[in-house]
Each structure stands twice: as C-alpha cells, then as structure tokens.
Protein backbone atom coordinates (compact mmCIF):
# COMPACT_ATOMS: atom_id res chain seq x y z
CA MET A 1 61.79 -49.00 -32.19
CA ILE A 2 59.78 -51.90 -30.79
CA SER A 3 60.00 -53.26 -27.27
CA TRP A 4 58.30 -56.45 -26.12
CA ASN A 5 56.72 -57.14 -22.77
CA LEU A 6 56.31 -60.92 -23.04
CA LYS A 7 54.28 -61.47 -19.91
CA LYS A 8 52.09 -64.53 -19.33
CA ILE A 9 48.61 -63.27 -18.43
CA GLY A 10 46.94 -66.49 -17.32
CA CYS A 11 44.49 -64.94 -14.89
CA VAL A 12 43.21 -61.95 -16.88
CA LEU A 13 40.15 -62.79 -18.99
CA SER A 14 37.73 -60.76 -21.07
CA VAL A 15 34.22 -60.56 -19.61
CA SER A 16 32.53 -62.53 -22.38
CA ALA A 17 35.25 -65.20 -22.35
CA MET A 18 34.52 -65.83 -18.69
CA LEU A 19 30.91 -66.71 -19.49
CA PHE A 20 32.10 -69.97 -21.04
CA TYR A 21 34.16 -71.22 -18.12
CA ALA A 22 33.15 -74.00 -15.77
CA ALA A 23 33.21 -73.22 -12.07
CA ALA A 24 35.93 -75.76 -11.39
CA ALA A 25 39.47 -74.44 -11.53
CA LEU A 26 41.61 -75.70 -14.38
CA PRO A 27 44.93 -77.40 -13.57
CA VAL A 28 48.15 -75.47 -14.00
CA MET A 29 50.20 -76.47 -17.01
CA ALA A 30 53.86 -77.33 -16.51
CA ALA A 31 56.30 -74.98 -18.22
CA GLU A 32 57.71 -77.68 -20.45
CA GLN A 33 54.22 -78.39 -21.80
CA THR A 34 53.54 -74.84 -22.88
CA THR A 35 56.08 -74.38 -25.61
CA GLU A 36 56.60 -76.01 -28.97
CA LYS A 37 58.42 -73.28 -30.82
CA ASN A 38 58.25 -71.94 -34.36
CA TRP A 39 55.00 -73.57 -35.42
CA LYS A 40 54.16 -73.15 -39.11
CA LYS A 41 50.47 -72.98 -39.92
CA ALA A 42 48.36 -73.96 -42.88
CA GLN A 43 47.03 -70.92 -44.70
CA LEU A 44 44.04 -70.27 -46.92
CA SER A 45 45.12 -69.84 -50.52
CA ALA A 46 43.97 -67.00 -52.76
CA TYR A 47 40.49 -67.53 -54.14
CA ASP A 48 38.87 -66.09 -57.22
CA THR A 49 35.23 -65.10 -57.58
CA SER A 50 34.31 -68.38 -59.23
CA LEU A 51 34.55 -70.24 -55.93
CA SER A 52 31.01 -71.12 -54.88
CA LEU A 53 30.48 -70.66 -51.15
CA VAL A 54 27.95 -72.67 -49.20
CA GLN A 55 25.41 -70.88 -47.02
CA TYR A 56 24.77 -71.65 -43.36
CA GLN A 57 22.01 -74.23 -42.88
CA GLU A 58 20.41 -76.01 -39.95
CA VAL A 59 21.44 -79.66 -39.54
CA ASP A 60 18.04 -81.35 -39.87
CA GLU A 61 16.92 -84.93 -40.46
CA ALA A 62 17.17 -84.60 -44.24
CA ALA A 63 20.70 -83.23 -44.02
CA ALA A 64 21.69 -85.96 -41.57
CA GLU A 65 20.31 -88.61 -43.93
CA LYS A 66 22.24 -87.05 -46.80
CA MET A 67 25.46 -87.35 -44.80
CA GLN A 68 25.12 -91.10 -44.33
CA THR A 69 26.99 -91.58 -47.62
CA VAL A 70 29.60 -88.98 -48.47
CA SER A 71 31.43 -89.23 -51.78
CA VAL A 72 34.11 -87.47 -53.77
CA GLY A 73 33.81 -88.31 -57.45
CA GLN A 74 33.01 -92.02 -57.67
CA GLN A 75 34.75 -92.96 -54.43
CA GLU A 76 32.33 -93.62 -51.57
CA ASN A 77 33.55 -93.34 -48.00
CA GLY A 78 32.29 -94.64 -44.69
CA VAL A 79 30.81 -92.13 -42.27
CA LEU A 80 32.30 -92.43 -38.79
CA ALA A 81 30.53 -89.54 -37.02
CA SER A 82 28.79 -86.23 -37.69
CA SER A 83 28.65 -83.06 -35.63
CA GLY A 84 25.81 -80.65 -35.10
CA LYS A 85 26.00 -76.93 -35.72
CA VAL A 86 27.50 -74.38 -33.34
CA GLY A 87 26.64 -70.70 -33.64
CA ALA A 88 29.32 -68.09 -33.99
CA SER A 89 30.17 -66.10 -30.90
CA GLY A 90 29.40 -62.42 -31.01
CA ALA A 91 31.79 -59.53 -31.34
CA ASP A 92 33.89 -58.99 -28.26
CA ALA A 93 36.71 -56.49 -28.41
CA ALA A 94 40.01 -57.67 -26.98
CA VAL A 95 41.03 -55.89 -23.79
CA SER A 96 44.16 -53.77 -23.72
CA LEU A 97 46.57 -54.80 -20.97
CA ALA A 98 49.21 -52.18 -21.69
CA VAL A 99 50.58 -50.19 -18.74
CA ASN A 100 52.86 -47.18 -18.52
CA VAL A 101 52.34 -46.21 -22.17
CA GLU A 102 54.55 -43.24 -22.88
CA SER A 103 53.46 -40.21 -24.85
CA GLY A 104 53.70 -40.92 -28.55
CA GLN A 105 53.69 -44.69 -28.08
CA PHE A 106 51.24 -47.25 -29.44
CA ALA A 107 50.76 -50.38 -27.30
CA PHE A 108 49.13 -53.44 -28.87
CA THR A 109 47.82 -56.36 -26.81
CA THR A 110 47.46 -59.66 -28.65
CA TYR A 111 45.66 -62.86 -27.66
CA GLY A 112 46.84 -66.17 -29.11
CA TYR A 113 49.34 -67.13 -31.78
CA GLY A 114 48.48 -67.35 -35.47
CA HIS A 115 45.41 -66.49 -37.51
CA GLY A 116 43.17 -68.21 -34.94
CA CYS A 117 40.88 -69.89 -37.48
CA GLY A 118 39.98 -73.57 -37.09
CA LEU A 119 41.76 -75.93 -34.71
CA SER A 120 43.85 -74.47 -31.91
CA GLN A 121 46.75 -76.81 -31.21
CA ASN A 122 47.25 -75.52 -27.68
CA GLY A 123 43.50 -75.80 -27.03
CA ALA A 124 43.31 -79.28 -28.53
CA ASN A 125 46.08 -80.46 -26.21
CA PHE A 126 44.26 -79.13 -23.15
CA TYR A 127 40.86 -80.40 -24.20
CA ALA A 128 42.44 -83.86 -24.51
CA THR A 129 44.59 -83.67 -21.37
CA TYR A 130 42.19 -82.01 -18.92
CA GLY A 131 38.80 -81.95 -20.63
CA GLY A 132 38.69 -85.65 -21.49
CA TYR A 133 38.01 -84.96 -25.19
CA ASP A 134 38.81 -87.62 -27.76
CA TYR A 135 40.02 -86.59 -31.20
CA GLN A 136 36.51 -86.62 -32.68
CA SER A 137 35.20 -84.26 -29.98
CA ILE A 138 38.15 -81.93 -30.57
CA LEU A 139 37.56 -81.88 -34.32
CA PHE A 140 33.82 -81.27 -34.01
CA HIS A 141 34.42 -78.46 -31.53
CA TYR A 142 36.70 -76.58 -33.90
CA TYR A 143 34.99 -77.57 -37.18
CA PRO A 144 31.27 -77.64 -36.28
CA GLY A 145 28.85 -79.13 -38.79
CA THR A 146 31.43 -81.39 -40.46
CA THR A 147 31.33 -85.16 -40.95
CA LEU A 148 34.19 -87.53 -40.14
CA VAL A 149 34.65 -90.21 -42.80
CA GLN A 150 37.05 -93.04 -43.49
CA THR A 151 38.46 -92.55 -46.98
CA SER A 152 40.45 -94.83 -49.21
CA VAL A 153 44.11 -94.09 -48.50
CA PRO A 154 45.96 -92.95 -51.64
CA ALA A 155 49.30 -94.54 -52.47
CA THR A 156 51.15 -91.24 -52.07
CA ILE A 157 50.47 -87.59 -51.21
CA THR A 158 52.53 -84.42 -51.59
CA ALA A 159 52.89 -81.63 -49.05
CA GLY A 160 55.55 -78.97 -48.66
CA GLY A 161 57.36 -80.29 -51.71
CA ARG A 162 57.70 -83.77 -50.19
CA THR A 163 56.04 -86.89 -51.63
CA GLY A 164 55.53 -90.13 -49.73
CA SER A 165 52.97 -92.43 -48.22
CA VAL A 166 50.13 -90.91 -46.24
CA LEU A 167 51.60 -92.29 -43.03
CA GLU A 168 55.03 -90.82 -43.79
CA ILE A 169 53.88 -87.35 -44.86
CA ILE A 170 51.17 -86.84 -42.22
CA SER A 171 53.48 -88.09 -39.46
CA MET A 172 56.09 -85.54 -40.50
CA LEU A 173 53.47 -82.77 -40.63
CA VAL A 174 52.10 -83.63 -37.18
CA TYR A 175 55.64 -83.79 -35.78
CA ASN A 176 56.36 -80.33 -37.16
CA GLU A 177 53.08 -78.87 -35.93
CA MET A 178 52.84 -80.43 -32.47
CA GLY A 179 56.15 -82.03 -31.66
CA SER A 180 55.92 -85.31 -29.76
CA THR A 181 54.81 -84.21 -26.27
CA MET A 182 51.18 -83.28 -26.81
CA ALA A 183 48.33 -85.62 -25.86
CA PRO A 184 47.73 -88.53 -28.26
CA GLU A 185 44.12 -87.47 -28.92
CA ALA A 186 45.32 -83.97 -29.84
CA MET A 187 47.87 -85.46 -32.23
CA LYS A 188 45.14 -87.61 -33.79
CA ALA A 189 42.97 -84.52 -34.31
CA GLN A 190 45.94 -82.73 -35.89
CA ALA A 191 46.57 -85.74 -38.14
CA VAL A 192 42.98 -85.70 -39.43
CA ALA A 193 43.08 -81.92 -39.94
CA ALA A 194 46.43 -82.10 -41.77
CA PHE A 195 45.33 -84.98 -44.03
CA THR A 196 42.03 -83.24 -44.81
CA TYR A 197 43.82 -80.00 -45.63
CA VAL A 198 46.29 -81.74 -47.93
CA MET A 199 43.46 -83.54 -49.74
CA ASN A 200 41.28 -80.42 -50.13
CA PRO A 201 41.47 -79.39 -53.79
CA HIS A 202 41.35 -75.68 -52.92
CA GLY A 203 44.08 -75.67 -50.25
CA ASP A 204 47.66 -74.61 -50.90
CA ASN A 205 49.87 -77.06 -49.02
CA SER A 206 53.16 -75.94 -50.56
CA SER A 207 54.08 -73.97 -47.44
CA LEU A 208 53.59 -76.90 -45.08
CA ILE A 209 56.73 -78.25 -43.44
CA CYS A 210 57.56 -81.93 -43.14
CA ARG A 211 59.83 -82.52 -40.16
CA ASP A 212 62.06 -85.54 -40.58
CA ASN A 213 62.29 -88.51 -38.23
CA PRO A 214 58.99 -88.35 -36.34
CA PRO A 215 59.14 -90.51 -33.19
CA GLN A 216 57.07 -93.67 -32.82
CA ASN A 217 54.35 -92.13 -30.64
CA VAL A 218 53.58 -89.61 -33.40
CA ILE A 219 53.55 -92.34 -36.05
CA ASP A 220 51.25 -94.46 -33.87
CA ALA A 221 48.80 -91.57 -33.41
CA VAL A 222 48.70 -90.96 -37.17
CA GLN A 223 48.36 -94.68 -37.94
CA SER A 224 45.31 -94.95 -35.69
CA VAL A 225 43.38 -92.39 -37.78
CA LEU A 226 44.99 -93.05 -41.15
CA GLY A 227 42.76 -91.92 -44.01
CA GLN A 228 40.16 -90.27 -41.80
CA ALA A 229 39.05 -86.86 -43.06
CA LEU A 230 36.48 -84.17 -42.34
CA TYR A 231 33.89 -83.53 -45.03
CA TYR A 232 31.37 -80.79 -45.56
CA ASP A 233 28.73 -80.75 -48.29
CA GLY A 234 30.24 -83.83 -49.94
CA ASP A 235 33.83 -82.65 -50.18
CA TYR A 236 36.94 -82.29 -48.07
CA ALA A 237 36.65 -79.43 -45.58
CA LEU A 238 39.29 -76.69 -45.56
CA THR A 239 40.72 -77.52 -42.15
CA VAL A 240 43.07 -74.64 -41.36
CA TYR A 241 44.66 -74.50 -37.91
CA SER A 242 46.90 -72.32 -35.76
CA ALA A 243 48.96 -72.55 -32.59
CA SER A 244 46.43 -70.99 -30.19
CA SER A 245 43.24 -68.99 -30.30
CA GLY A 246 43.37 -66.43 -27.53
CA GLY A 247 40.11 -67.65 -25.97
CA TYR A 248 38.03 -67.75 -29.15
CA THR A 249 38.68 -69.01 -32.63
CA ALA A 250 38.04 -66.68 -35.56
CA ASN A 251 35.47 -66.59 -38.33
CA ALA A 252 37.14 -67.34 -41.66
CA SER A 253 35.14 -64.48 -43.14
CA ASP A 254 36.69 -62.02 -40.67
CA VAL A 255 40.27 -63.23 -41.16
CA PHE A 256 40.39 -64.27 -44.81
CA GLY A 257 37.27 -62.70 -46.30
CA VAL A 258 35.83 -66.12 -47.26
CA HIS A 259 32.87 -67.66 -45.41
CA TYR A 260 32.71 -71.33 -44.48
CA ASP A 261 29.95 -72.70 -42.27
CA TYR A 262 32.40 -74.83 -40.30
CA LEU A 263 35.05 -72.12 -39.83
CA VAL A 264 33.13 -69.96 -37.35
CA SER A 265 34.15 -68.48 -34.03
CA VAL A 266 33.87 -70.86 -31.07
CA PRO A 267 35.07 -70.43 -27.48
CA CYS A 268 38.29 -72.08 -26.32
CA GLU A 269 38.45 -71.57 -22.57
CA TYR A 270 41.72 -73.44 -22.09
CA ASP A 271 43.49 -71.01 -24.42
CA ALA A 272 42.10 -68.11 -22.43
CA SER A 273 43.44 -69.55 -19.18
CA TYR A 274 46.66 -71.29 -20.15
CA ASP A 275 47.96 -70.06 -23.48
CA PRO A 276 51.46 -68.61 -22.94
CA HIS A 277 50.68 -66.11 -25.72
CA TYR A 278 47.50 -64.79 -24.05
CA GLY A 279 47.82 -61.07 -23.34
CA ASP A 280 51.24 -60.25 -24.82
CA VAL A 281 51.92 -56.53 -25.18
CA VAL A 282 54.15 -54.94 -27.81
CA TYR A 283 55.08 -51.24 -27.92
CA PHE A 284 55.71 -49.17 -31.04
CA SER A 285 56.93 -45.63 -31.34
CA GLN A 286 54.76 -43.18 -33.29
CA GLU A 287 57.51 -42.91 -35.88
CA GLU A 288 57.59 -46.69 -36.35
CA ILE A 289 53.82 -46.89 -36.87
CA ARG A 290 53.92 -44.02 -39.36
CA SER A 291 56.76 -45.60 -41.30
CA ARG A 292 55.15 -49.03 -41.49
CA LEU A 293 51.69 -47.83 -42.47
CA GLN A 294 52.91 -45.40 -45.10
CA SER A 295 55.28 -47.93 -46.61
CA ALA A 296 52.72 -50.77 -46.66
CA TYR A 297 49.73 -48.82 -47.92
CA GLY A 298 51.26 -46.11 -50.08
CA ILE A 299 49.66 -43.19 -48.27
CA VAL A 300 50.76 -40.12 -46.32
CA LEU A 301 49.31 -40.11 -42.83
CA SER A 302 47.77 -37.04 -41.28
CA ASP A 303 49.12 -35.25 -38.22
CA ASN A 304 46.44 -36.88 -36.05
CA PRO A 305 47.80 -40.24 -34.79
CA ALA A 306 44.51 -40.98 -33.03
CA ALA A 307 42.89 -41.36 -36.47
CA TRP A 308 45.54 -43.58 -38.02
CA MET A 309 43.92 -46.91 -37.13
CA THR A 310 40.21 -47.47 -36.48
CA LEU A 311 39.48 -51.12 -35.72
CA GLU A 312 36.31 -52.97 -36.72
CA VAL A 313 35.80 -55.99 -34.48
CA GLY A 314 34.49 -59.29 -35.84
CA GLY A 315 33.52 -62.61 -34.26
CA GLY A 316 35.48 -63.65 -31.20
CA GLY A 317 37.20 -60.28 -30.99
CA TYR A 318 39.30 -60.72 -34.14
CA ILE A 319 39.80 -57.59 -36.22
CA ARG A 320 37.75 -57.76 -39.40
CA ARG A 321 38.79 -54.46 -41.00
CA VAL A 322 40.90 -51.41 -40.20
CA ASN A 323 40.33 -47.91 -41.52
CA ILE A 324 43.71 -46.29 -42.07
CA ASP A 325 43.46 -42.56 -41.37
CA GLY A 326 40.19 -42.26 -43.31
CA GLN A 327 42.09 -42.94 -46.51
CA LYS A 328 42.08 -46.68 -46.93
CA THR A 329 40.36 -49.77 -45.48
CA VAL A 330 42.40 -52.96 -45.07
CA SER A 331 41.79 -56.33 -43.45
CA GLY A 332 42.70 -56.92 -39.82
CA GLU A 333 45.00 -59.69 -41.00
CA SER A 334 46.78 -57.22 -43.27
CA LEU A 335 47.55 -54.87 -40.39
CA ARG A 336 48.63 -57.82 -38.25
CA SER A 337 51.16 -58.73 -40.94
CA VAL A 338 52.40 -55.16 -41.37
CA LEU A 339 53.00 -54.77 -37.63
CA GLY A 340 54.20 -58.32 -37.03
CA LEU A 341 51.57 -59.03 -34.37
CA LYS A 342 51.24 -62.58 -33.07
CA SER A 343 47.47 -62.82 -33.40
CA GLY A 344 44.50 -61.36 -35.26
CA ARG A 345 42.75 -60.83 -31.93
CA TYR A 346 44.25 -57.55 -30.79
CA ASN A 347 43.58 -54.05 -29.54
CA TYR A 348 45.71 -50.99 -28.88
CA VAL A 349 45.99 -47.85 -26.83
CA MET A 350 47.96 -44.71 -27.60
CA GLY A 351 49.99 -42.70 -25.14
C-alpha cells in the first residue's frame, strides 16, 4: 500500500543548494502559475556502442573560431550566439523530509518532476519571469557549451506521429509542454529545445505529444525563434527537458548512462524555492517494496530490509546506481521507474 504526503516544501533547502542563492528573497508564485498538469517529456533513445561520444573540452579561442560556421552536411547555418562552459556540480545527497515513519515502512523524498536532465520548464519560467533571462540565457544555462544557430527551416517535420510545418508542429509541442501561461521567453527556449530535439538524428521523438489548437501567444513565441537550434560539435544537440529539476539538473551520464558535455548538472535555485514538486514524500510498506523489487529484478530479497537498496549519488544529488540487496546493481532511473517516483533526485529512510 502506498500513501502520498503531497506537501509543498518551499522553504526547506539542501545545504549545498543554498550556496547558489542570492541574498534577495524571491517573489512568491501564484497558485495558478505553479501547475501545468500531465507534462510529457522528451526521452533519450536507446544507444548502441557505436555511438561516438565527445569528451569534455575547454572553450578556447580555437574552439570559438571553429564555431563561427556550424554546418550539418552541406547546409551552412548562421551563428547567433555561443555559450561558455559550466562545470558540473558535485554530489549532494537529497535530504529526507519524511516524518512519523512507521516500523516496516520505507519513506522516499523526491525533488522535482521528471528525469531532471537538460532544461527545467518550471525553472525556465521563473528565470524569465523573475530573473530577467531571455531565451538565449535560459538555453545556455541548461545546455552549457552549445551554440545557437539559425538553420534553414525544412518544409515539414514529424513528431509524435504528426507531420506538418515547423511552425505547426513546434507550436503544438510547446503548447503540450508548457501550456499558454508561461513567460514568452520560457516558451521561446522550449521551442528551440523542442525543434533541436526533433532535428537531432539520434533522438526518438515518437513519444512526443502534439496538442491541437495552440493559442496565438504560443504560435507567436515559436514564430519569433523559428528554425533556431542548439548545436554542439557541428551537429544538433540532444536537448532533453523535464518539468522541474529539484534544485539541480542531472548529468546525462548519471540518469541515462551516456555522457554529453552540455548535459551536465547545473543549479536551478528557482526550482529549489518554488517548485510545487520539491520535497514530496511517498510511503511504501515493506511488503510493497519487496514485491516490486523481486518482480522487477527477478531476485529473492534477503530478510534484511536495510540492505535492499543502497544508493550511489551522482551529480546534483541524482541517483546514479542502486545496489539491490548485494545481488544486482541497477540504474537510479530504473528504481525510480519501478517505484513510480516523480524524480531521479531522491532519498529514503526506513522505519
């Protein structure tokens, strides 16, 4: 049996998250601005061992000169702006906020909503609304080291089984992802991320959802950045995104097991302060945990519940790996899926 304690923890922050906050208090977000329900996120597709991964490099003068002309095949594109590098934040275990945990219970605290890698939609909205960020600043914060280019707009694109003009498809994707009430600069950033993801040859966009009848303000935001895309190393970046980050974004290597220089953990202080999914607690009975783990991983757990799940923390506090009862090691994202947790940034206590 699972019971939820869906409590907004806007004032409780991890110690390392607090290091990134400005002294000035952040404005309180109105309730109607906090929710845009049932967001569907872009996911990394399965990769085989033939995929060549780039290594992390300093952005120096030679690299900057190289980025002045970015091309895919024979099509050259105009560079609009380039970002510098941002280092990944160190490991920082999520804090458990569970109270009154009964004997035999497991209580998981989660921070954020979604895999947490790449752009945070909640964070983007706040950076635009209260931080004064334009869409380029938002994109470069969440995808450091990338280059923004103006590409030639193809006649049609396909996403989620729908085919149409770039303006039609991206407007429907942005409407599904953000609704129509988020800040225009956040919607522009989402439009660039969605277009880049659709155009990336390695991304799987079949699960994306096109929401019909986007309103004019969404269409206008998309139109203003039509054809703009993020590039890295001469190709479309893999611009995954999620609803909110829980105070930090995640390293792609920790969540998906694939390293990208521009998908590294960065702080997102607005998510830590104002994400409605920051600090949610879910309770499981011992029997429920045993049933789920044994069914998912094909093992028989020992009689020592304290040894059933040993968490290895990665960048930003996201769980990189989990040792299951000394018998099997799985990804943190795998356990998140098995338990139905909102975020990959989690921790637990046992009663």
